[in-house]
Every structure is written in C-alpha cells, then in structure tokens.
Amino acid sequence: MRAKREYRNRAETEVAVLDALVDRADDGMTVFALRAAAEVDIDELERALEALKEDDLIVVEPGASETVIKPADRVVPEVPTDDEDEQSIGDWLRDRLPF
C-alpha cells in the first residue's frame, strides 16, 4: 500500500520511507528495516526521518530493545487507491468493449 496522495509530493527518500511504513503500519519498522526497504544510505535516511518527524508524519516508539517507527494515522489510506489497482491493457479493453 502507498501513503496518501497528499503526502507524495515530498523528496523521493521521504516518500519511500512513508510507503514502507504504510505497508507495515501495525507493526512499524526499525531503522535498519527502513534502510533496507528504502534502499538508501544511513545519512539520507536520517535526513528523511528528521523531516518526516518535524512534520508529524511518523511516530517513534522507543522500546526496551529497539526503537520502532510507525506512520502517523493521517498518512495511512483507509482504502486502497486506484494507483494500486493497475490494470493490464487487455483488462482495460475488456471492461470497455462489448465482447
């Protein structure tokens, strides 16, 4: 799943982080898991997390053994967006032509 459309006009790394977090909204992710999901270096990830935290788009939950990062509730879409339901050309034609 992807973050809501209104949060997609951010830097590429920030959007990648939000998308990864939305996919695991219930469990959250560690910094290491986010780094692997976003495929960026640690410095770039740190800048993205800082910007997202400043804008209250992520929630950081410190734990006994690890810190978990989750998306803010307003970032998670309630229903899947149309962007996620990509249709093949054949499906698109079948829906529109009376065969």
PDB file of N, CA and C in Angstrom:
ATOM      1  N   MET A   1       0.852  -1.169   0.000  1.00  0.00           N
ATOM      2  CA  MET A   1       0.000   0.000   0.000  1.00  0.00           C
ATOM      3  C   MET A   1       0.899   1.233   0.000  1.00  0.00           C
ATOM      4  N   ARG A   2       0.375   2.323  -0.490  1.00  0.00           N
ATOM      5  CA  ARG A   2       1.148   3.557  -0.571  1.00  0.00           C
ATOM      6  C   ARG A   2       0.541   4.613   0.328  1.00  0.00           C
ATOM      7  N   ALA A   3       1.366   5.573   0.707  1.00  0.00           N
ATOM      8  CA  ALA A   3       0.908   6.682   1.528  1.00  0.00           C
ATOM      9  C   ALA A   3      -0.135   7.489   0.753  1.00  0.00           C
ATOM     10  N   LYS A   4      -0.954   8.228   1.474  1.00  0.00           N
ATOM     11  CA  LYS A   4      -1.981   9.050   0.833  1.00  0.00           C
ATOM     12  C   LYS A   4      -1.348   9.999  -0.176  1.00  0.00           C
ATOM     13  N   ARG A   5      -2.122  10.317  -1.188  1.00  0.00           N
ATOM     14  CA  ARG A   5      -1.644  11.153  -2.288  1.00  0.00           C
ATOM     15  C   ARG A   5      -1.112  12.513  -1.816  1.00  0.00           C
ATOM     16  N   GLU A   6      -1.744  13.115  -0.819  1.00  0.00           N
ATOM     17  CA  GLU A   6      -1.315  14.446  -0.384  1.00  0.00           C
ATOM     18  C   GLU A   6       0.066  14.452   0.279  1.00  0.00           C
ATOM     19  N   TYR A   7       0.607  13.274   0.579  1.00  0.00           N
ATOM     20  CA  TYR A   7       1.942  13.183   1.188  1.00  0.00           C
ATOM     21  C   TYR A   7       2.985  12.675   0.206  1.00  0.00           C
ATOM     22  N   ARG A   8       2.651  12.617  -1.061  1.00  0.00           N
ATOM     23  CA  ARG A   8       3.563  12.067  -2.056  1.00  0.00           C
ATOM     24  C   ARG A   8       4.368  13.137  -2.788  1.00  0.00           C
ATOM     25  N   ASN A   9       4.174  14.403  -2.463  1.00  0.00           N
ATOM     26  CA  ASN A   9       4.908  15.477  -3.127  1.00  0.00           C
ATOM     27  C   ASN A   9       6.130  15.890  -2.303  1.00  0.00           C
ATOM     28  N   ARG A  10       6.777  14.932  -1.698  1.00  0.00           N
ATOM     29  CA  ARG A  10       7.945  15.142  -0.859  1.00  0.00           C
ATOM     30  C   ARG A  10       9.173  14.577  -1.574  1.00  0.00           C
ATOM     31  N   ALA A  11      10.320  14.688  -0.943  1.00  0.00           N
ATOM     32  CA  ALA A  11      11.553  14.132  -1.501  1.00  0.00           C
ATOM     33  C   ALA A  11      11.393  12.624  -1.709  1.00  0.00           C
ATOM     34  N   GLU A  12      12.094  12.086  -2.679  1.00  0.00           N
ATOM     35  CA  GLU A  12      11.955  10.672  -3.056  1.00  0.00           C
ATOM     36  C   GLU A  12      12.199   9.729  -1.874  1.00  0.00           C
ATOM     37  N   THR A  13      13.206  10.022  -1.081  1.00  0.00           N
ATOM     38  CA  THR A  13      13.506   9.167   0.071  1.00  0.00           C
ATOM     39  C   THR A  13      12.389   9.227   1.101  1.00  0.00           C
ATOM     40  N   GLU A  14      11.838  10.404   1.338  1.00  0.00           N
ATOM     41  CA  GLU A  14      10.742  10.546   2.302  1.00  0.00           C
ATOM     42  C   GLU A  14       9.518   9.747   1.853  1.00  0.00           C
ATOM     43  N   VAL A  15       9.218   9.784   0.574  1.00  0.00           N
ATOM     44  CA  VAL A  15       8.075   9.026   0.044  1.00  0.00           C
ATOM     45  C   VAL A  15       8.344   7.528   0.163  1.00  0.00           C
ATOM     46  N   ALA A  16       9.575   7.103  -0.115  1.00  0.00           N
ATOM     47  CA  ALA A  16       9.921   5.683   0.011  1.00  0.00           C
ATOM     48  C   ALA A  16       9.773   5.217   1.458  1.00  0.00           C
ATOM     49  N   VAL A  17      10.180   6.057   2.400  1.00  0.00           N
ATOM     50  CA  VAL A  17      10.047   5.724   3.824  1.00  0.00           C
ATOM     51  C   VAL A  17       8.571   5.638   4.208  1.00  0.00           C
ATOM     52  N   LEU A  18       7.779   6.616   3.797  1.00  0.00           N
ATOM     53  CA  LEU A  18       6.348   6.595   4.120  1.00  0.00           C
ATOM     54  C   LEU A  18       5.663   5.373   3.530  1.00  0.00           C
ATOM     55  N   ASP A  19       5.985   5.030   2.283  1.00  0.00           N
ATOM     56  CA  ASP A  19       5.378   3.855   1.653  1.00  0.00           C
ATOM     57  C   ASP A  19       5.747   2.583   2.407  1.00  0.00           C
ATOM     58  N   ALA A  20       7.003   2.458   2.790  1.00  0.00           N
ATOM     59  CA  ALA A  20       7.438   1.273   3.534  1.00  0.00           C
ATOM     60  C   ALA A  20       6.722   1.194   4.876  1.00  0.00           C
ATOM     61  N   LEU A  21       6.575   2.329   5.545  1.00  0.00           N
ATOM     62  CA  LEU A  21       5.903   2.345   6.842  1.00  0.00           C
ATOM     63  C   LEU A  21       4.414   2.038   6.715  1.00  0.00           C
ATOM     64  N   VAL A  22       3.786   2.537   5.669  1.00  0.00           N
ATOM     65  CA  VAL A  22       2.356   2.273   5.461  1.00  0.00           C
ATOM     66  C   VAL A  22       2.130   0.780   5.232  1.00  0.00           C
ATOM     67  N   ASP A  23       3.066   0.135   4.536  1.00  0.00           N
ATOM     68  CA  ASP A  23       2.953  -1.314   4.321  1.00  0.00           C
ATOM     69  C   ASP A  23       2.989  -2.090   5.630  1.00  0.00           C
ATOM     70  N   ARG A  24       3.676  -1.563   6.632  1.00  0.00           N
ATOM     71  CA  ARG A  24       3.797  -2.240   7.923  1.00  0.00           C
ATOM     72  C   ARG A  24       3.282  -1.336   9.034  1.00  0.00           C
ATOM     73  N   ALA A  25       2.152  -0.703   8.793  1.00  0.00           N
ATOM     74  CA  ALA A  25       1.612   0.304   9.712  1.00  0.00           C
ATOM     75  C   ALA A  25       1.343  -0.250  11.108  1.00  0.00           C
ATOM     76  N   ASP A  26       0.886  -1.474  11.224  1.00  0.00           N
ATOM     77  CA  ASP A  26       0.552  -2.031  12.529  1.00  0.00           C
ATOM     78  C   ASP A  26       1.791  -2.372  13.347  1.00  0.00           C
ATOM     79  N   ASP A  27       2.780  -2.963  12.702  1.00  0.00           N
ATOM     80  CA  ASP A  27       3.979  -3.411  13.400  1.00  0.00           C
ATOM     81  C   ASP A  27       5.058  -2.344  13.503  1.00  0.00           C
ATOM     82  N   GLY A  28       5.116  -1.455  12.515  1.00  0.00           N
ATOM     83  CA  GLY A  28       6.185  -0.476  12.470  1.00  0.00           C
ATOM     84  C   GLY A  28       7.462  -1.111  11.942  1.00  0.00           C
ATOM     85  N   MET A  29       8.502  -0.322  11.855  1.00  0.00           N
ATOM     86  CA  MET A  29       9.780  -0.800  11.332  1.00  0.00           C
ATOM     87  C   MET A  29      10.925  -0.187  12.120  1.00  0.00           C
ATOM     88  N   THR A  30      12.021  -0.915  12.184  1.00  0.00           N
ATOM     89  CA  THR A  30      13.235  -0.370  12.792  1.00  0.00           C
ATOM     90  C   THR A  30      13.970   0.456  11.744  1.00  0.00           C
ATOM     91  N   VAL A  31      14.962   1.195  12.176  1.00  0.00           N
ATOM     92  CA  VAL A  31      15.761   1.991  11.245  1.00  0.00           C
ATOM     93  C   VAL A  31      16.443   1.077  10.228  1.00  0.00           C
ATOM     94  N   PHE A  32      16.935  -0.065  10.686  1.00  0.00           N
ATOM     95  CA  PHE A  32      17.615  -0.985   9.774  1.00  0.00           C
ATOM     96  C   PHE A  32      16.659  -1.547   8.725  1.00  0.00           C
ATOM     97  N   ALA A  33      15.445  -1.882   9.121  1.00  0.00           N
ATOM     98  CA  ALA A  33      14.452  -2.383   8.175  1.00  0.00           C
ATOM     99  C   ALA A  33      14.058  -1.288   7.182  1.00  0.00           C
ATOM    100  N   LEU A  34      13.936  -0.056   7.662  1.00  0.00           N
ATOM    101  CA  LEU A  34      13.610   1.064   6.776  1.00  0.00           C
ATOM    102  C   LEU A  34      14.724   1.317   5.776  1.00  0.00           C
ATOM    103  N   ARG A  35      15.957   1.220   6.260  1.00  0.00           N
ATOM    104  CA  ARG A  35      17.102   1.436   5.367  1.00  0.00           C
ATOM    105  C   ARG A  35      17.092   0.416   4.242  1.00  0.00           C
ATOM    106  N   ALA A  36      16.797  -0.825   4.556  1.00  0.00           N
ATOM    107  CA  ALA A  36      16.739  -1.866   3.533  1.00  0.00           C
ATOM    108  C   ALA A  36      15.554  -1.658   2.591  1.00  0.00           C
ATOM    109  N   ALA A  37      14.414  -1.268   3.127  1.00  0.00           N
ATOM    110  CA  ALA A  37      13.220  -1.076   2.304  1.00  0.00           C
ATOM    111  C   ALA A  37      13.358   0.127   1.376  1.00  0.00           C
ATOM    112  N   ALA A  38      13.938   1.214   1.869  1.00  0.00           N
ATOM    113  CA  ALA A  38      14.073   2.432   1.066  1.00  0.00           C
ATOM    114  C   ALA A  38      15.298   2.388   0.163  1.00  0.00           C
ATOM    115  N   GLU A  39      16.229   1.468   0.444  1.00  0.00           N
ATOM    116  CA  GLU A  39      17.452   1.308  -0.345  1.00  0.00           C
ATOM    117  C   GLU A  39      18.235   2.610  -0.454  1.00  0.00           C
ATOM    118  N   VAL A  40      18.492   3.234   0.699  1.00  0.00           N
ATOM    119  CA  VAL A  40      19.275   4.470   0.761  1.00  0.00           C
ATOM    120  C   VAL A  40      20.344   4.327   1.835  1.00  0.00           C
ATOM    121  N   ASP A  41      21.340   5.236   1.786  1.00  0.00           N
ATOM    122  CA  ASP A  41      22.366   5.176   2.821  1.00  0.00           C
ATOM    123  C   ASP A  41      21.828   5.783   4.113  1.00  0.00           C
ATOM    124  N   ILE A  42      22.516   5.541   5.189  1.00  0.00           N
ATOM    125  CA  ILE A  42      22.027   5.912   6.518  1.00  0.00           C
ATOM    126  C   ILE A  42      21.888   7.427   6.681  1.00  0.00           C
ATOM    127  N   ASP A  43      22.785   8.196   6.063  1.00  0.00           N
ATOM    128  CA  ASP A  43      22.700   9.655   6.176  1.00  0.00           C
ATOM    129  C   ASP A  43      21.449  10.196   5.502  1.00  0.00           C
ATOM    130  N   GLU A  44      21.153   9.671   4.329  1.00  0.00           N
ATOM    131  CA  GLU A  44      19.960  10.104   3.603  1.00  0.00           C
ATOM    132  C   GLU A  44      18.695   9.693   4.364  1.00  0.00           C
ATOM    133  N   LEU A  45      18.710   8.490   4.925  1.00  0.00           N
ATOM    134  CA  LEU A  45      17.576   8.024   5.719  1.00  0.00           C
ATOM    135  C   LEU A  45      17.383   8.897   6.951  1.00  0.00           C
ATOM    136  N   GLU A  46      18.475   9.268   7.591  1.00  0.00           N
ATOM    137  CA  GLU A  46      18.400  10.115   8.784  1.00  0.00           C
ATOM    138  C   GLU A  46      17.761  11.467   8.461  1.00  0.00           C
ATOM    139  N   ARG A  47      18.157  12.065   7.338  1.00  0.00           N
ATOM    140  CA  ARG A  47      17.574  13.353   6.923  1.00  0.00           C
ATOM    141  C   ARG A  47      16.076  13.198   6.638  1.00  0.00           C
ATOM    142  N   ALA A  48      15.711  12.107   5.974  1.00  0.00           N
ATOM    143  CA  ALA A  48      14.296  11.870   5.656  1.00  0.00           C
ATOM    144  C   ALA A  48      13.482  11.681   6.931  1.00  0.00           C
ATOM    145  N   LEU A  49      13.992  10.887   7.858  1.00  0.00           N
ATOM    146  CA  LEU A  49      13.273  10.663   9.115  1.00  0.00           C
ATOM    147  C   LEU A  49      13.129  11.954   9.913  1.00  0.00           C
ATOM    148  N   GLU A  50      14.167  12.766   9.899  1.00  0.00           N
ATOM    149  CA  GLU A  50      14.111  14.047  10.610  1.00  0.00           C
ATOM    150  C   GLU A  50      13.023  14.952  10.023  1.00  0.00           C
ATOM    151  N   ALA A  51      12.954  15.028   8.695  1.00  0.00           N
ATOM    152  CA  ALA A  51      11.947  15.868   8.041  1.00  0.00           C
ATOM    153  C   ALA A  51      10.541  15.334   8.307  1.00  0.00           C
ATOM    154  N   LEU A  52      10.379  14.019   8.242  1.00  0.00           N
ATOM    155  CA  LEU A  52       9.065  13.427   8.490  1.00  0.00           C
ATOM    156  C   LEU A  52       8.634  13.618   9.935  1.00  0.00           C
ATOM    157  N   LYS A  53       9.567  13.527  10.860  1.00  0.00           N
ATOM    158  CA  LYS A  53       9.257  13.725  12.287  1.00  0.00           C
ATOM    159  C   LYS A  53       8.865  15.184  12.548  1.00  0.00           C
ATOM    160  N   GLU A  54       9.574  16.112  11.937  1.00  0.00           N
ATOM    161  CA  GLU A  54       9.254  17.541  12.098  1.00  0.00           C
ATOM    162  C   GLU A  54       7.841  17.849  11.624  1.00  0.00           C
ATOM    163  N   ASP A  55       7.405  17.175  10.566  1.00  0.00           N
ATOM    164  CA  ASP A  55       6.065  17.401  10.006  1.00  0.00           C
ATOM    165  C   ASP A  55       5.007  16.490  10.631  1.00  0.00           C
ATOM    166  N   ASP A  56       5.374  15.773  11.690  1.00  0.00           N
ATOM    167  CA  ASP A  56       4.456  14.865  12.403  1.00  0.00           C
ATOM    168  C   ASP A  56       3.830  13.815  11.497  1.00  0.00           C
ATOM    169  N   LEU A  57       4.628  13.276  10.575  1.00  0.00           N
ATOM    170  CA  LEU A  57       4.135  12.238   9.680  1.00  0.00           C
ATOM    171  C   LEU A  57       4.558  10.846  10.130  1.00  0.00           C
ATOM    172  N   ILE A  58       5.439  10.781  11.126  1.00  0.00           N
ATOM    173  CA  ILE A  58       5.838   9.495  11.686  1.00  0.00           C
ATOM    174  C   ILE A  58       5.766   9.560  13.202  1.00  0.00           C
ATOM    175  N   VAL A  59       5.654   8.378  13.810  1.00  0.00           N
ATOM    176  CA  VAL A  59       5.622   8.250  15.262  1.00  0.00           C
ATOM    177  C   VAL A  59       6.773   7.333  15.650  1.00  0.00           C
ATOM    178  N   VAL A  60       7.600   7.780  16.597  1.00  0.00           N
ATOM    179  CA  VAL A  60       8.735   6.989  17.050  1.00  0.00           C
ATOM    180  C   VAL A  60       8.401   6.428  18.414  1.00  0.00           C
ATOM    181  N   GLU A  61       8.437   5.099  18.521  1.00  0.00           N
ATOM    182  CA  GLU A  61       8.109   4.419  19.773  1.00  0.00           C
ATOM    183  C   GLU A  61       9.351   3.707  20.307  1.00  0.00           C
ATOM    184  N   PRO A  62       9.998   4.299  21.308  1.00  0.00           N
ATOM    185  CA  PRO A  62      11.178   3.624  21.868  1.00  0.00           C
ATOM    186  C   PRO A  62      10.756   2.381  22.647  1.00  0.00           C
ATOM    187  N   GLY A  63      11.495   1.317  22.469  1.00  0.00           N
ATOM    188  CA  GLY A  63      11.215   0.067  23.171  1.00  0.00           C
ATOM    189  C   GLY A  63      12.409  -0.317  24.023  1.00  0.00           C
ATOM    190  N   ALA A  64      12.281  -1.413  24.724  1.00  0.00           N
ATOM    191  CA  ALA A  64      13.360  -1.885  25.593  1.00  0.00           C
ATOM    192  C   ALA A  64      14.575  -2.302  24.776  1.00  0.00           C
ATOM    193  N   SER A  65      14.341  -2.981  23.652  1.00  0.00           N
ATOM    194  CA  SER A  65      15.470  -3.482  22.871  1.00  0.00           C
ATOM    195  C   SER A  65      15.660  -2.763  21.536  1.00  0.00           C
ATOM    196  N   GLU A  66      14.613  -2.159  21.003  1.00  0.00           N
ATOM    197  CA  GLU A  66      14.724  -1.468  19.722  1.00  0.00           C
ATOM    198  C   GLU A  66      13.674  -0.366  19.612  1.00  0.00           C
ATOM    199  N   THR A  67      13.974   0.613  18.782  1.00  0.00           N
ATOM    200  CA  THR A  67      13.040   1.706  18.521  1.00  0.00           C
ATOM    201  C   THR A  67      12.264   1.369  17.255  1.00  0.00           C
ATOM    202  N   VAL A  68      10.952   1.528  17.324  1.00  0.00           N
ATOM    203  CA  VAL A  68      10.081   1.210  16.194  1.00  0.00           C
ATOM    204  C   VAL A  68       9.479   2.511  15.667  1.00  0.00           C
ATOM    205  N   ILE A  69       9.463   2.641  14.363  1.00  0.00           N
ATOM    206  CA  ILE A  69       8.910   3.818  13.704  1.00  0.00           C
ATOM    207  C   ILE A  69       7.644   3.401  12.977  1.00  0.00           C
ATOM    208  N   LYS A  70       6.586   4.186  13.163  1.00  0.00           N
ATOM    209  CA  LYS A  70       5.296   3.909  12.524  1.00  0.00           C
ATOM    210  C   LYS A  70       4.819   5.170  11.811  1.00  0.00           C
ATOM    211  N   PRO A  71       3.965   5.010  10.804  1.00  0.00           N
ATOM    212  CA  PRO A  71       3.408   6.195  10.152  1.00  0.00           C
ATOM    213  C   PRO A  71       2.325   6.813  11.019  1.00  0.00           C
ATOM    214  N   ALA A  72       2.173   8.112  10.926  1.00  0.00           N
ATOM    215  CA  ALA A  72       1.056   8.773  11.603  1.00  0.00           C
ATOM    216  C   ALA A  72      -0.242   8.280  10.963  1.00  0.00           C
ATOM    217  N   ASP A  73      -1.289   8.230  11.739  1.00  0.00           N
ATOM    218  CA  ASP A  73      -2.568   7.714  11.244  1.00  0.00           C
ATOM    219  C   ASP A  73      -3.062   8.454  10.009  1.00  0.00           C
ATOM    220  N   ARG A  74      -2.788   9.743   9.923  1.00  0.00           N
ATOM    221  CA  ARG A  74      -3.302  10.523   8.795  1.00  0.00           C
ATOM    222  C   ARG A  74      -2.602  10.204   7.480  1.00  0.00           C
ATOM    223  N   VAL A  75      -1.473   9.505   7.535  1.00  0.00           N
ATOM    224  CA  VAL A  75      -0.719   9.152   6.334  1.00  0.00           C
ATOM    225  C   VAL A  75      -1.250   7.867   5.704  1.00  0.00           C
ATOM    226  N   VAL A  76      -1.835   6.995   6.505  1.00  0.00           N
ATOM    227  CA  VAL A  76      -2.292   5.681   6.041  1.00  0.00           C
ATOM    228  C   VAL A  76      -3.656   5.825   5.372  1.00  0.00           C
ATOM    229  N   PRO A  77      -3.763   5.410   4.094  1.00  0.00           N
ATOM    230  CA  PRO A  77      -5.064   5.486   3.425  1.00  0.00           C
ATOM    231  C   PRO A  77      -6.048   4.487   4.019  1.00  0.00           C
ATOM    232  N   GLU A  78      -7.310   4.864   4.038  1.00  0.00           N
ATOM    233  CA  GLU A  78      -8.342   3.991   4.594  1.00  0.00           C
ATOM    234  C   GLU A  78      -8.719   2.877   3.626  1.00  0.00           C
ATOM    235  N   VAL A  79      -8.705   3.169   2.359  1.00  0.00           N
ATOM    236  CA  VAL A  79      -8.986   2.169   1.331  1.00  0.00           C
ATOM    237  C   VAL A  79      -7.857   2.220   0.312  1.00  0.00           C
ATOM    238  N   PRO A  80      -7.567   1.118  -0.369  1.00  0.00           N
ATOM    239  CA  PRO A  80      -6.531   1.143  -1.404  1.00  0.00           C
ATOM    240  C   PRO A  80      -6.863   2.171  -2.477  1.00  0.00           C
ATOM    241  N   THR A  81      -5.836   2.845  -2.973  1.00  0.00           N
ATOM    242  CA  THR A  81      -6.040   3.854  -4.008  1.00  0.00           C
ATOM    243  C   THR A  81      -6.139   3.190  -5.372  1.00  0.00           C
ATOM    244  N   ASP A  82      -6.615   3.947  -6.347  1.00  0.00           N
ATOM    245  CA  ASP A  82      -6.720   3.442  -7.712  1.00  0.00           C
ATOM    246  C   ASP A  82      -5.350   3.146  -8.292  1.00  0.00           C
ATOM    247  N   ASP A  83      -4.306   3.846  -7.800  1.00  0.00           N
ATOM    248  CA  ASP A  83      -2.954   3.634  -8.299  1.00  0.00           C
ATOM    249  C   ASP A  83      -2.497   2.199  -8.057  1.00  0.00           C
ATOM    250  N   GLU A  84      -2.992   1.583  -7.007  1.00  0.00           N
ATOM    251  CA  GLU A  84      -2.557   0.240  -6.655  1.00  0.00           C
ATOM    252  C   GLU A  84      -3.209  -0.819  -7.526  1.00  0.00           C
ATOM    253  N   ASP A  85      -4.361  -0.516  -8.081  1.00  0.00           N
ATOM    254  CA  ASP A  85      -5.076  -1.480  -8.897  1.00  0.00           C
ATOM    255  C   ASP A  85      -4.718  -1.269 -10.360  1.00  0.00           C
ATOM    256  N   GLU A  86      -3.451  -1.506 -10.689  1.00  0.00           N
ATOM    257  CA  GLU A  86      -3.021  -1.318 -12.062  1.00  0.00           C
ATOM    258  C   GLU A  86      -3.646  -2.404 -12.920  1.00  0.00           C
ATOM    259  N   GLN A  87      -4.201  -1.982 -14.034  1.00  0.00           N
ATOM    260  CA  GLN A  87      -4.937  -2.855 -14.920  1.00  0.00           C
ATOM    261  C   GLN A  87      -4.119  -3.066 -16.183  1.00  0.00           C
ATOM    262  N   SER A  88      -4.143  -4.268 -16.709  1.00  0.00           N
ATOM    263  CA  SER A  88      -3.453  -4.514 -17.973  1.00  0.00           C
ATOM    264  C   SER A  88      -4.283  -3.905 -19.106  1.00  0.00           C
ATOM    265  N   ILE A  89      -3.665  -3.743 -20.250  1.00  0.00           N
ATOM    266  CA  ILE A  89      -4.376  -3.178 -21.404  1.00  0.00           C
ATOM    267  C   ILE A  89      -5.525  -4.087 -21.810  1.00  0.00           C
ATOM    268  N   GLY A  90      -5.280  -5.392 -21.746  1.00  0.00           N
ATOM    269  CA  GLY A  90      -6.341  -6.354 -22.090  1.00  0.00           C
ATOM    270  C   GLY A  90      -7.540  -6.223 -21.174  1.00  0.00           C
ATOM    271  N   ASP A  91      -7.292  -6.099 -19.860  1.00  0.00           N
ATOM    272  CA  ASP A  91      -8.392  -5.922 -18.900  1.00  0.00           C
ATOM    273  C   ASP A  91      -9.132  -4.619 -19.163  1.00  0.00           C
ATOM    274  N   TRP A  92      -8.379  -3.571 -19.466  1.00  0.00           N
ATOM    275  CA  TRP A  92      -8.980  -2.268 -19.719  1.00  0.00           C
ATOM    276  C   TRP A  92      -9.896  -2.351 -20.948  1.00  0.00           C
ATOM    277  N   LEU A  93      -9.424  -3.008 -22.024  1.00  0.00           N
ATOM    278  CA  LEU A  93     -10.234  -3.144 -23.233  1.00  0.00           C
ATOM    279  C   LEU A  93     -11.480  -4.000 -22.964  1.00  0.00           C
ATOM    280  N   ARG A  94     -11.313  -5.089 -22.223  1.00  0.00           N
ATOM    281  CA  ARG A  94     -12.422  -5.975 -21.913  1.00  0.00           C
ATOM    282  C   ARG A  94     -13.529  -5.234 -21.153  1.00  0.00           C
ATOM    283  N   ASP A  95     -13.135  -4.333 -20.272  1.00  0.00           N
ATOM    284  CA  ASP A  95     -14.122  -3.564 -19.493  1.00  0.00           C
ATOM    285  C   ASP A  95     -14.872  -2.561 -20.370  1.00  0.00           C
ATOM    286  N   ARG A  96     -14.255  -2.099 -21.442  1.00  0.00           N
ATOM    287  CA  ARG A  96     -14.854  -1.028 -22.212  1.00  0.00           C
ATOM    288  C   ARG A  96     -15.511  -1.468 -23.517  1.00  0.00           C
ATOM    289  N   LEU A  97     -15.125  -2.624 -24.029  1.00  0.00           N
ATOM    290  CA  LEU A  97     -15.697  -3.096 -25.272  1.00  0.00           C
ATOM    291  C   LEU A  97     -16.726  -4.190 -24.999  1.00  0.00           C
ATOM    292  N   PRO A  98     -17.804  -4.212 -25.768  1.00  0.00           N
ATOM    293  CA  PRO A  98     -18.891  -5.184 -25.507  1.00  0.00           C
ATOM    294  C   PRO A  98     -18.645  -6.555 -26.099  1.00  0.00           C
ATOM    295  N   PHE A  99     -17.613  -7.245 -25.699  1.00  0.00           N
ATOM    296  CA  PHE A  99     -17.376  -8.629 -26.189  1.00  0.00           C
ATOM    297  C   PHE A  99     -18.152  -9.573 -25.324  1.00  0.00           C
TER     298      PHE A  99
END
